Amino acid sequence: MRNVSCRGCPMAKAWKPLVCGLQPERWGLWETLALSRSLQVLGLLVWALIADTSYHLYPAYGWVMFVAVFLWLVTIVFFILYLFQLHMKLYMVPWPLVLMIFNVGATVLYITAFITCSASVELTSLKGTRQYNQRAAASFFSCLVMIAYGVSAFFSFQAWRGVGSNAATSQMAGGYA
């Protein structure tokens, strides 16, 4: 077992491996990209499952489709920015703050989409049919995406707040320490 330095963790002694492993400032580019890819795949599942049904007949699914497709596209844009490290070239943008605002907003939008989608399944299709199963699966995956965006919002809040770093390191690193 390797020795992990964990000076920023309040519960370092009891939960050292768990808490230190989840520190956002220790996340590299690949961990951030992996979370983004999982959000893309799950978001794609949500809108693909809804798009395969006759969602246009029910306005509730129009909202779910808007949220799923819009956030899927914006997540792809952020993925490309981080993959090609374009965020480093746009140094005047406060990226930790932008990502925190995006992730919190995406979480709130997916909460509404999840509630809308799951409340509409029984009302819009017969139990046991293909459309019912697809809409129920879309509700499940929208719940997973909502949780994933919530976790991402937590980590981006921690990165924005600068947990685990002091004022000197965050000043020298431009807020990316």
N, C-alpha and C. Protein backbone atom coordinates (compact mmCIF):
# COMPACT_ATOMS: atom_id res chain seq x y z
N MET A 1 0.85 -1.18 0.00
CA MET A 1 0.00 0.00 0.00
C MET A 1 0.89 1.23 0.00
N ARG A 2 0.61 2.18 -0.85
CA ARG A 2 1.45 3.37 -0.94
C ARG A 2 1.04 4.40 0.10
N ASN A 3 1.98 5.25 0.45
CA ASN A 3 1.74 6.29 1.44
C ASN A 3 1.17 7.51 0.72
N VAL A 4 0.01 7.97 1.12
CA VAL A 4 -0.67 9.07 0.48
C VAL A 4 -0.63 10.30 1.39
N SER A 5 -0.16 11.41 0.83
CA SER A 5 -0.16 12.66 1.58
C SER A 5 -1.54 13.27 1.47
N CYS A 6 -2.12 13.61 2.59
CA CYS A 6 -3.51 14.04 2.59
C CYS A 6 -3.70 15.20 3.56
N ARG A 7 -3.02 16.30 3.33
CA ARG A 7 -3.10 17.41 4.28
C ARG A 7 -4.38 18.21 4.14
N GLY A 8 -5.10 18.11 3.02
CA GLY A 8 -6.31 18.88 2.82
C GLY A 8 -7.57 18.17 3.28
N CYS A 9 -7.45 16.93 3.70
CA CYS A 9 -8.63 16.15 4.10
C CYS A 9 -8.91 16.33 5.58
N PRO A 10 -10.14 16.68 5.96
CA PRO A 10 -10.45 16.82 7.38
C PRO A 10 -10.51 15.48 8.11
N MET A 11 -10.86 14.40 7.43
CA MET A 11 -10.97 13.09 8.07
C MET A 11 -9.84 12.19 7.59
N ALA A 12 -8.63 12.75 7.55
CA ALA A 12 -7.51 12.05 6.93
C ALA A 12 -7.16 10.74 7.60
N LYS A 13 -7.27 10.65 8.91
CA LYS A 13 -6.83 9.43 9.60
C LYS A 13 -7.79 8.28 9.38
N ALA A 14 -9.08 8.52 9.51
CA ALA A 14 -10.05 7.43 9.43
C ALA A 14 -10.34 7.00 8.00
N TRP A 15 -10.43 7.95 7.11
CA TRP A 15 -10.87 7.65 5.75
C TRP A 15 -9.81 8.01 4.72
N LYS A 16 -8.57 7.88 5.05
CA LYS A 16 -7.47 8.34 4.21
C LYS A 16 -7.53 7.81 2.77
N PRO A 17 -7.66 6.52 2.52
CA PRO A 17 -7.66 6.07 1.13
C PRO A 17 -8.89 6.53 0.36
N LEU A 18 -10.05 6.51 1.00
CA LEU A 18 -11.28 6.89 0.31
C LEU A 18 -11.32 8.38 0.01
N VAL A 19 -11.10 9.20 1.02
CA VAL A 19 -11.23 10.64 0.86
C VAL A 19 -10.13 11.20 -0.04
N CYS A 20 -8.90 10.75 0.15
CA CYS A 20 -7.80 11.26 -0.66
C CYS A 20 -7.93 10.84 -2.11
N GLY A 21 -8.53 9.69 -2.35
CA GLY A 21 -8.71 9.24 -3.72
C GLY A 21 -9.75 10.05 -4.47
N LEU A 22 -10.62 10.76 -3.75
CA LEU A 22 -11.67 11.52 -4.39
C LEU A 22 -11.39 13.01 -4.44
N GLN A 23 -10.19 13.42 -4.13
CA GLN A 23 -9.91 14.85 -4.15
C GLN A 23 -9.84 15.34 -5.59
N PRO A 24 -10.60 16.38 -5.93
CA PRO A 24 -10.63 16.83 -7.32
C PRO A 24 -9.31 17.43 -7.77
N GLU A 25 -8.53 18.02 -6.87
CA GLU A 25 -7.27 18.61 -7.32
C GLU A 25 -6.26 17.55 -7.69
N ARG A 26 -6.48 16.31 -7.27
CA ARG A 26 -5.60 15.22 -7.64
C ARG A 26 -6.05 14.58 -8.96
N TRP A 27 -7.22 14.97 -9.46
CA TRP A 27 -7.71 14.41 -10.70
C TRP A 27 -6.88 14.96 -11.84
N GLY A 28 -6.52 14.10 -12.74
CA GLY A 28 -5.79 14.51 -13.93
C GLY A 28 -6.75 14.72 -15.09
N LEU A 29 -6.16 14.93 -16.23
CA LEU A 29 -6.95 15.14 -17.44
C LEU A 29 -7.76 13.90 -17.78
N TRP A 30 -7.18 12.72 -17.62
CA TRP A 30 -7.85 11.49 -18.04
C TRP A 30 -9.04 11.15 -17.16
N GLU A 31 -8.95 11.45 -15.86
CA GLU A 31 -10.10 11.19 -14.99
C GLU A 31 -11.25 12.13 -15.34
N THR A 32 -10.92 13.39 -15.62
CA THR A 32 -11.95 14.35 -16.02
C THR A 32 -12.59 13.93 -17.34
N LEU A 33 -11.77 13.49 -18.29
CA LEU A 33 -12.30 13.05 -19.58
C LEU A 33 -13.12 11.77 -19.45
N ALA A 34 -12.74 10.89 -18.53
CA ALA A 34 -13.51 9.66 -18.32
C ALA A 34 -14.90 9.97 -17.77
N LEU A 35 -14.99 10.91 -16.82
CA LEU A 35 -16.29 11.30 -16.30
C LEU A 35 -17.13 11.96 -17.39
N SER A 36 -16.49 12.76 -18.21
CA SER A 36 -17.20 13.41 -19.31
C SER A 36 -17.71 12.38 -20.31
N ARG A 37 -16.91 11.36 -20.60
CA ARG A 37 -17.33 10.32 -21.54
C ARG A 37 -18.51 9.52 -20.99
N SER A 38 -18.48 9.24 -19.69
CA SER A 38 -19.61 8.50 -19.11
C SER A 38 -20.88 9.33 -19.16
N LEU A 39 -20.77 10.65 -18.95
CA LEU A 39 -21.93 11.52 -19.07
C LEU A 39 -22.45 11.54 -20.50
N GLN A 40 -21.53 11.52 -21.46
CA GLN A 40 -21.95 11.53 -22.87
C GLN A 40 -22.69 10.25 -23.22
N VAL A 41 -22.17 9.11 -22.79
CA VAL A 41 -22.80 7.83 -23.13
C VAL A 41 -24.17 7.72 -22.47
N LEU A 42 -24.26 8.05 -21.18
CA LEU A 42 -25.53 7.96 -20.49
C LEU A 42 -26.54 8.96 -21.04
N GLY A 43 -26.09 10.18 -21.34
CA GLY A 43 -26.98 11.18 -21.94
C GLY A 43 -27.47 10.75 -23.30
N LEU A 44 -26.59 10.13 -24.07
CA LEU A 44 -26.98 9.61 -25.38
C LEU A 44 -28.04 8.52 -25.23
N LEU A 45 -27.90 7.67 -24.23
CA LEU A 45 -28.91 6.63 -24.00
C LEU A 45 -30.26 7.24 -23.67
N VAL A 46 -30.27 8.31 -22.88
CA VAL A 46 -31.54 8.94 -22.51
C VAL A 46 -32.26 9.44 -23.74
N TRP A 47 -31.57 10.26 -24.54
CA TRP A 47 -32.32 10.83 -25.66
C TRP A 47 -32.54 9.85 -26.79
N ALA A 48 -31.70 8.82 -26.92
CA ALA A 48 -31.96 7.81 -27.95
C ALA A 48 -33.17 6.96 -27.59
N LEU A 49 -33.32 6.62 -26.31
CA LEU A 49 -34.48 5.84 -25.89
C LEU A 49 -35.78 6.63 -26.06
N ILE A 50 -35.74 7.91 -25.74
CA ILE A 50 -36.94 8.74 -25.90
C ILE A 50 -37.22 8.99 -27.38
N ALA A 51 -36.18 9.23 -28.17
CA ALA A 51 -36.37 9.54 -29.59
C ALA A 51 -36.95 8.36 -30.36
N ASP A 52 -36.75 7.15 -29.87
CA ASP A 52 -37.28 5.97 -30.56
C ASP A 52 -38.76 5.75 -30.30
N THR A 53 -39.34 6.51 -29.39
CA THR A 53 -40.78 6.42 -29.13
C THR A 53 -41.49 7.58 -29.83
N SER A 54 -42.80 7.60 -29.73
CA SER A 54 -43.55 8.72 -30.31
C SER A 54 -43.63 9.85 -29.26
N TYR A 55 -42.49 10.43 -28.97
CA TYR A 55 -42.41 11.46 -27.92
C TYR A 55 -43.07 12.76 -28.35
N HIS A 56 -43.14 13.04 -29.63
CA HIS A 56 -43.68 14.31 -30.11
C HIS A 56 -45.16 14.49 -29.78
N LEU A 57 -45.85 13.40 -29.43
CA LEU A 57 -47.26 13.49 -29.06
C LEU A 57 -47.45 14.00 -27.63
N TYR A 58 -46.39 13.98 -26.82
CA TYR A 58 -46.48 14.35 -25.42
C TYR A 58 -45.47 15.46 -25.12
N PRO A 59 -45.94 16.64 -24.72
CA PRO A 59 -45.02 17.76 -24.46
C PRO A 59 -44.00 17.49 -23.36
N ALA A 60 -44.33 16.62 -22.43
CA ALA A 60 -43.39 16.33 -21.34
C ALA A 60 -42.10 15.74 -21.90
N TYR A 61 -42.22 14.87 -22.88
CA TYR A 61 -41.02 14.27 -23.46
C TYR A 61 -40.25 15.24 -24.35
N GLY A 62 -40.92 16.26 -24.82
CA GLY A 62 -40.20 17.32 -25.54
C GLY A 62 -39.21 18.01 -24.63
N TRP A 63 -39.62 18.25 -23.38
CA TRP A 63 -38.71 18.86 -22.40
C TRP A 63 -37.54 17.92 -22.09
N VAL A 64 -37.84 16.64 -21.91
CA VAL A 64 -36.78 15.67 -21.62
C VAL A 64 -35.80 15.60 -22.79
N MET A 65 -36.31 15.60 -24.00
CA MET A 65 -35.44 15.58 -25.18
C MET A 65 -34.59 16.84 -25.26
N PHE A 66 -35.18 18.00 -24.99
CA PHE A 66 -34.41 19.25 -25.02
C PHE A 66 -33.26 19.19 -24.03
N VAL A 67 -33.56 18.81 -22.79
CA VAL A 67 -32.53 18.76 -21.75
C VAL A 67 -31.45 17.76 -22.13
N ALA A 68 -31.84 16.57 -22.56
CA ALA A 68 -30.87 15.52 -22.86
C ALA A 68 -29.97 15.90 -24.03
N VAL A 69 -30.56 16.38 -25.12
CA VAL A 69 -29.77 16.71 -26.31
C VAL A 69 -28.91 17.95 -26.06
N PHE A 70 -29.48 18.98 -25.46
CA PHE A 70 -28.72 20.21 -25.20
C PHE A 70 -27.52 19.95 -24.30
N LEU A 71 -27.73 19.26 -23.19
CA LEU A 71 -26.62 19.00 -22.28
C LEU A 71 -25.63 18.01 -22.86
N TRP A 72 -26.10 17.10 -23.69
CA TRP A 72 -25.20 16.17 -24.35
C TRP A 72 -24.26 16.94 -25.29
N LEU A 73 -24.81 17.89 -26.04
CA LEU A 73 -23.97 18.67 -26.96
C LEU A 73 -22.99 19.57 -26.21
N VAL A 74 -23.44 20.21 -25.14
CA VAL A 74 -22.55 21.09 -24.37
C VAL A 74 -21.46 20.27 -23.68
N THR A 75 -21.79 19.08 -23.22
CA THR A 75 -20.78 18.21 -22.62
C THR A 75 -19.74 17.79 -23.65
N ILE A 76 -20.15 17.56 -24.87
CA ILE A 76 -19.20 17.24 -25.94
C ILE A 76 -18.28 18.42 -26.20
N VAL A 77 -18.82 19.65 -26.18
CA VAL A 77 -17.99 20.84 -26.37
C VAL A 77 -16.95 20.95 -25.27
N PHE A 78 -17.36 20.76 -24.01
CA PHE A 78 -16.39 20.79 -22.91
C PHE A 78 -15.38 19.65 -23.03
N PHE A 79 -15.83 18.49 -23.47
CA PHE A 79 -14.92 17.36 -23.66
C PHE A 79 -13.84 17.71 -24.69
N ILE A 80 -14.23 18.31 -25.79
CA ILE A 80 -13.26 18.68 -26.83
C ILE A 80 -12.31 19.76 -26.32
N LEU A 81 -12.86 20.73 -25.56
CA LEU A 81 -12.00 21.77 -24.98
C LEU A 81 -10.92 21.18 -24.08
N TYR A 82 -11.29 20.22 -23.26
CA TYR A 82 -10.33 19.61 -22.35
C TYR A 82 -9.44 18.58 -23.04
N LEU A 83 -9.97 17.87 -24.03
CA LEU A 83 -9.18 16.88 -24.73
C LEU A 83 -8.01 17.52 -25.47
N PHE A 84 -8.29 18.60 -26.16
CA PHE A 84 -7.24 19.31 -26.90
C PHE A 84 -6.58 20.41 -26.09
N GLN A 85 -6.89 20.47 -24.81
CA GLN A 85 -6.35 21.43 -23.86
C GLN A 85 -6.49 22.88 -24.34
N LEU A 86 -7.62 23.16 -24.95
CA LEU A 86 -7.91 24.52 -25.39
C LEU A 86 -8.24 25.43 -24.22
N HIS A 87 -8.62 24.85 -23.10
CA HIS A 87 -8.90 25.67 -21.91
C HIS A 87 -7.63 26.35 -21.41
N MET A 88 -6.47 25.77 -21.71
CA MET A 88 -5.20 26.40 -21.33
C MET A 88 -4.91 27.63 -22.18
N LYS A 89 -5.36 27.59 -23.42
CA LYS A 89 -5.15 28.74 -24.31
C LYS A 89 -6.11 29.88 -24.01
N LEU A 90 -7.27 29.54 -23.46
CA LEU A 90 -8.26 30.54 -23.07
C LEU A 90 -8.12 30.81 -21.58
N TYR A 91 -6.96 31.30 -21.19
CA TYR A 91 -6.63 31.47 -19.78
C TYR A 91 -7.45 32.57 -19.10
N MET A 92 -8.03 33.48 -19.87
CA MET A 92 -8.81 34.56 -19.25
C MET A 92 -10.18 34.11 -18.75
N VAL A 93 -10.59 32.92 -19.14
CA VAL A 93 -11.87 32.37 -18.68
C VAL A 93 -11.64 31.64 -17.37
N PRO A 94 -12.43 31.93 -16.34
CA PRO A 94 -12.28 31.20 -15.07
C PRO A 94 -12.91 29.81 -15.17
N TRP A 95 -12.18 28.83 -15.70
CA TRP A 95 -12.71 27.51 -16.00
C TRP A 95 -13.29 26.78 -14.81
N PRO A 96 -12.65 26.85 -13.63
CA PRO A 96 -13.29 26.16 -12.50
C PRO A 96 -14.69 26.70 -12.19
N LEU A 97 -14.86 28.02 -12.29
CA LEU A 97 -16.17 28.62 -12.05
C LEU A 97 -17.15 28.26 -13.16
N VAL A 98 -16.70 28.30 -14.40
CA VAL A 98 -17.57 27.97 -15.53
C VAL A 98 -18.05 26.53 -15.44
N LEU A 99 -17.13 25.61 -15.12
CA LEU A 99 -17.53 24.21 -15.00
C LEU A 99 -18.46 23.98 -13.82
N MET A 100 -18.22 24.68 -12.73
CA MET A 100 -19.12 24.53 -11.58
C MET A 100 -20.53 25.01 -11.93
N ILE A 101 -20.64 26.16 -12.56
CA ILE A 101 -21.95 26.69 -12.94
C ILE A 101 -22.64 25.75 -13.93
N PHE A 102 -21.88 25.25 -14.91
CA PHE A 102 -22.46 24.32 -15.88
C PHE A 102 -22.95 23.06 -15.20
N ASN A 103 -22.13 22.46 -14.35
CA ASN A 103 -22.51 21.20 -13.71
C ASN A 103 -23.70 21.37 -12.76
N VAL A 104 -23.75 22.47 -12.03
CA VAL A 104 -24.90 22.71 -11.15
C VAL A 104 -26.16 22.93 -11.99
N GLY A 105 -26.04 23.71 -13.05
CA GLY A 105 -27.18 23.93 -13.95
C GLY A 105 -27.64 22.64 -14.61
N ALA A 106 -26.68 21.82 -15.04
CA ALA A 106 -27.03 20.54 -15.67
C ALA A 106 -27.70 19.62 -14.67
N THR A 107 -27.25 19.64 -13.43
CA THR A 107 -27.88 18.81 -12.40
C THR A 107 -29.33 19.23 -12.19
N VAL A 108 -29.55 20.53 -12.09
CA VAL A 108 -30.93 21.03 -11.89
C VAL A 108 -31.81 20.68 -13.08
N LEU A 109 -31.29 20.87 -14.29
CA LEU A 109 -32.08 20.54 -15.48
C LEU A 109 -32.38 19.04 -15.54
N TYR A 110 -31.41 18.21 -15.20
CA TYR A 110 -31.66 16.77 -15.23
C TYR A 110 -32.59 16.32 -14.10
N ILE A 111 -32.60 17.04 -12.99
CA ILE A 111 -33.59 16.73 -11.95
C ILE A 111 -34.99 16.93 -12.51
N THR A 112 -35.20 18.06 -13.20
CA THR A 112 -36.53 18.30 -13.79
C THR A 112 -36.84 17.30 -14.88
N ALA A 113 -35.84 16.94 -15.69
CA ALA A 113 -36.08 15.97 -16.76
C ALA A 113 -36.38 14.59 -16.19
N PHE A 114 -35.66 14.21 -15.15
CA PHE A 114 -35.91 12.90 -14.52
C PHE A 114 -37.31 12.83 -13.94
N ILE A 115 -37.71 13.87 -13.21
CA ILE A 115 -39.05 13.88 -12.61
C ILE A 115 -40.12 13.86 -13.69
N THR A 116 -39.93 14.66 -14.74
CA THR A 116 -40.89 14.71 -15.84
C THR A 116 -40.99 13.37 -16.56
N CYS A 117 -39.84 12.79 -16.85
CA CYS A 117 -39.82 11.52 -17.58
C CYS A 117 -40.43 10.39 -16.76
N SER A 118 -40.04 10.30 -15.50
CA SER A 118 -40.55 9.19 -14.68
C SER A 118 -42.03 9.35 -14.34
N ALA A 119 -42.50 10.59 -14.22
CA ALA A 119 -43.93 10.81 -13.94
C ALA A 119 -44.80 10.56 -15.16
N SER A 120 -44.22 10.63 -16.35
CA SER A 120 -45.01 10.49 -17.57
C SER A 120 -45.05 9.09 -18.13
N VAL A 121 -44.25 8.18 -17.61
CA VAL A 121 -44.19 6.83 -18.18
C VAL A 121 -45.55 6.13 -18.09
N GLU A 122 -46.14 6.09 -16.92
CA GLU A 122 -47.44 5.41 -16.73
C GLU A 122 -48.56 6.09 -17.52
N LEU A 123 -48.48 7.42 -17.63
CA LEU A 123 -49.57 8.17 -18.28
C LEU A 123 -49.55 8.06 -19.79
N THR A 124 -48.39 7.79 -20.38
CA THR A 124 -48.27 7.88 -21.83
C THR A 124 -48.14 6.55 -22.54
N SER A 125 -48.05 5.44 -21.80
CA SER A 125 -47.91 4.16 -22.48
C SER A 125 -48.46 3.03 -21.62
N LEU A 126 -48.79 1.95 -22.28
CA LEU A 126 -49.34 0.78 -21.59
C LEU A 126 -48.21 -0.05 -21.01
N LYS A 127 -48.44 -0.55 -19.81
CA LYS A 127 -47.42 -1.34 -19.11
C LYS A 127 -47.11 -2.61 -19.91
N GLY A 128 -45.81 -2.88 -20.05
CA GLY A 128 -45.37 -4.08 -20.76
C GLY A 128 -45.11 -3.87 -22.24
N THR A 129 -45.50 -2.73 -22.79
CA THR A 129 -45.24 -2.48 -24.21
C THR A 129 -43.80 -2.00 -24.40
N ARG A 130 -43.38 -1.99 -25.66
CA ARG A 130 -42.03 -1.55 -25.99
C ARG A 130 -41.81 -0.09 -25.60
N GLN A 131 -42.79 0.77 -25.86
CA GLN A 131 -42.65 2.19 -25.52
C GLN A 131 -42.57 2.39 -24.00
N TYR A 132 -43.33 1.63 -23.26
CA TYR A 132 -43.28 1.72 -21.80
C TYR A 132 -41.88 1.35 -21.31
N ASN A 133 -41.35 0.26 -21.83
CA ASN A 133 -40.03 -0.19 -21.40
C ASN A 133 -38.94 0.82 -21.78
N GLN A 134 -39.05 1.40 -22.96
CA GLN A 134 -38.06 2.39 -23.38
C GLN A 134 -38.15 3.65 -22.52
N ARG A 135 -39.34 4.09 -22.23
CA ARG A 135 -39.50 5.29 -21.41
C ARG A 135 -39.07 5.04 -19.96
N ALA A 136 -39.33 3.84 -19.46
CA ALA A 136 -38.87 3.50 -18.12
C ALA A 136 -37.35 3.43 -18.08
N ALA A 137 -36.74 2.87 -19.11
CA ALA A 137 -35.27 2.82 -19.18
C ALA A 137 -34.69 4.22 -19.30
N ALA A 138 -35.36 5.09 -20.06
CA ALA A 138 -34.91 6.47 -20.18
C ALA A 138 -34.98 7.18 -18.82
N SER A 139 -36.01 6.87 -18.04
CA SER A 139 -36.12 7.44 -16.70
C SER A 139 -34.96 6.96 -15.82
N PHE A 140 -34.64 5.69 -15.91
CA PHE A 140 -33.54 5.14 -15.13
C PHE A 140 -32.22 5.80 -15.52
N PHE A 141 -31.95 5.89 -16.82
CA PHE A 141 -30.69 6.48 -17.26
C PHE A 141 -30.64 7.98 -16.99
N SER A 142 -31.79 8.65 -17.03
CA SER A 142 -31.78 10.08 -16.68
C SER A 142 -31.47 10.26 -15.19
N CYS A 143 -31.89 9.31 -14.38
CA CYS A 143 -31.52 9.35 -12.96
C CYS A 143 -30.01 9.17 -12.79
N LEU A 144 -29.42 8.25 -13.55
CA LEU A 144 -27.98 8.05 -13.49
C LEU A 144 -27.22 9.29 -13.97
N VAL A 145 -27.70 9.91 -15.03
CA VAL A 145 -27.05 11.13 -15.54
C VAL A 145 -27.18 12.25 -14.51
N MET A 146 -28.34 12.35 -13.88
CA MET A 146 -28.55 13.36 -12.84
C MET A 146 -27.55 13.16 -11.70
N ILE A 147 -27.36 11.93 -11.27
CA ILE A 147 -26.40 11.65 -10.20
C ILE A 147 -24.98 11.96 -10.66
N ALA A 148 -24.65 11.58 -11.89
CA ALA A 148 -23.30 11.83 -12.41
C ALA A 148 -23.02 13.33 -12.51
N TYR A 149 -23.99 14.10 -12.97
CA TYR A 149 -23.80 15.56 -13.01
C TYR A 149 -23.71 16.13 -11.60
N GLY A 150 -24.45 15.56 -10.66
CA GLY A 150 -24.34 16.00 -9.27
C GLY A 150 -22.96 15.75 -8.70
N VAL A 151 -22.41 14.57 -8.97
CA VAL A 151 -21.05 14.26 -8.51
C VAL A 151 -20.05 15.20 -9.18
N SER A 152 -20.24 15.42 -10.46
CA SER A 152 -19.35 16.33 -11.18
C SER A 152 -19.47 17.75 -10.64
N ALA A 153 -20.68 18.15 -10.26
CA ALA A 153 -20.87 19.48 -9.67
C ALA A 153 -20.15 19.58 -8.33
N PHE A 154 -20.20 18.51 -7.54
CA PHE A 154 -19.49 18.50 -6.27
C PHE A 154 -17.99 18.65 -6.47
N PHE A 155 -17.44 17.88 -7.41
CA PHE A 155 -16.01 17.97 -7.66
C PHE A 155 -15.61 19.30 -8.27
N SER A 156 -16.43 19.85 -9.14
CA SER A 156 -16.09 21.15 -9.71
C SER A 156 -16.22 22.25 -8.66
N PHE A 157 -17.14 22.10 -7.71
CA PHE A 157 -17.21 23.06 -6.60
C PHE A 157 -15.96 22.98 -5.75
N GLN A 158 -15.51 21.76 -5.47
CA GLN A 158 -14.28 21.58 -4.70
C GLN A 158 -13.08 22.18 -5.44
N ALA A 159 -13.01 22.00 -6.74
CA ALA A 159 -11.91 22.55 -7.53
C ALA A 159 -11.99 24.07 -7.56
N TRP A 160 -13.20 24.62 -7.68
CA TRP A 160 -13.36 26.07 -7.70
C TRP A 160 -12.98 26.67 -6.36
N ARG A 161 -13.38 26.01 -5.29
CA ARG A 161 -13.08 26.50 -3.95
C ARG A 161 -11.61 26.30 -3.61
N GLY A 162 -10.96 25.38 -4.27
CA GLY A 162 -9.54 25.16 -4.04
C GLY A 162 -9.26 24.34 -2.81
N VAL A 163 -10.03 23.30 -2.57
CA VAL A 163 -9.82 22.45 -1.40
C VAL A 163 -8.47 21.76 -1.53
N GLY A 164 -7.69 21.80 -0.45
CA GLY A 164 -6.41 21.11 -0.44
C GLY A 164 -5.25 21.96 -0.88
N SER A 165 -5.48 23.19 -1.28
CA SER A 165 -4.38 24.06 -1.67
C SER A 165 -4.44 25.32 -0.83
N ASN A 166 -3.32 25.98 -0.76
CA ASN A 166 -3.30 27.24 -0.02
C ASN A 166 -3.34 28.40 -1.00
N ALA A 167 -3.36 29.62 -0.48
CA ALA A 167 -3.50 30.80 -1.34
C ALA A 167 -2.31 30.96 -2.27
N ALA A 168 -1.13 30.61 -1.82
CA ALA A 168 0.06 30.78 -2.65
C ALA A 168 0.03 29.84 -3.85
N THR A 169 -0.34 28.60 -3.64
CA THR A 169 -0.36 27.66 -4.76
C THR A 169 -1.44 28.00 -5.76
N SER A 170 -2.61 28.43 -5.28
CA SER A 170 -3.65 28.75 -6.25
C SER A 170 -3.36 30.05 -6.98
N GLN A 171 -2.62 30.97 -6.37
CA GLN A 171 -2.24 32.19 -7.08
C GLN A 171 -1.21 31.88 -8.18
N MET A 172 -0.25 31.03 -7.86
CA MET A 172 0.79 30.70 -8.82
C MET A 172 0.25 29.85 -9.97
N ALA A 173 -0.70 29.00 -9.68
CA ALA A 173 -1.23 28.12 -10.70
C ALA A 173 -2.41 28.73 -11.44
N GLY A 174 -2.80 29.94 -11.10
CA GLY A 174 -3.92 30.58 -11.77
C GLY A 174 -5.25 29.98 -11.40
N GLY A 175 -5.36 29.40 -10.21
CA GLY A 175 -6.63 28.80 -9.78
C GLY A 175 -6.78 27.36 -10.18
N TYR A 176 -5.76 26.76 -10.83
CA TYR A 176 -5.86 25.38 -11.31
C TYR A 176 -5.08 24.42 -10.42
N ALA A 177 -4.68 24.84 -9.24
CA ALA A 177 -3.86 23.95 -8.38
C ALA A 177 -4.65 22.80 -7.85
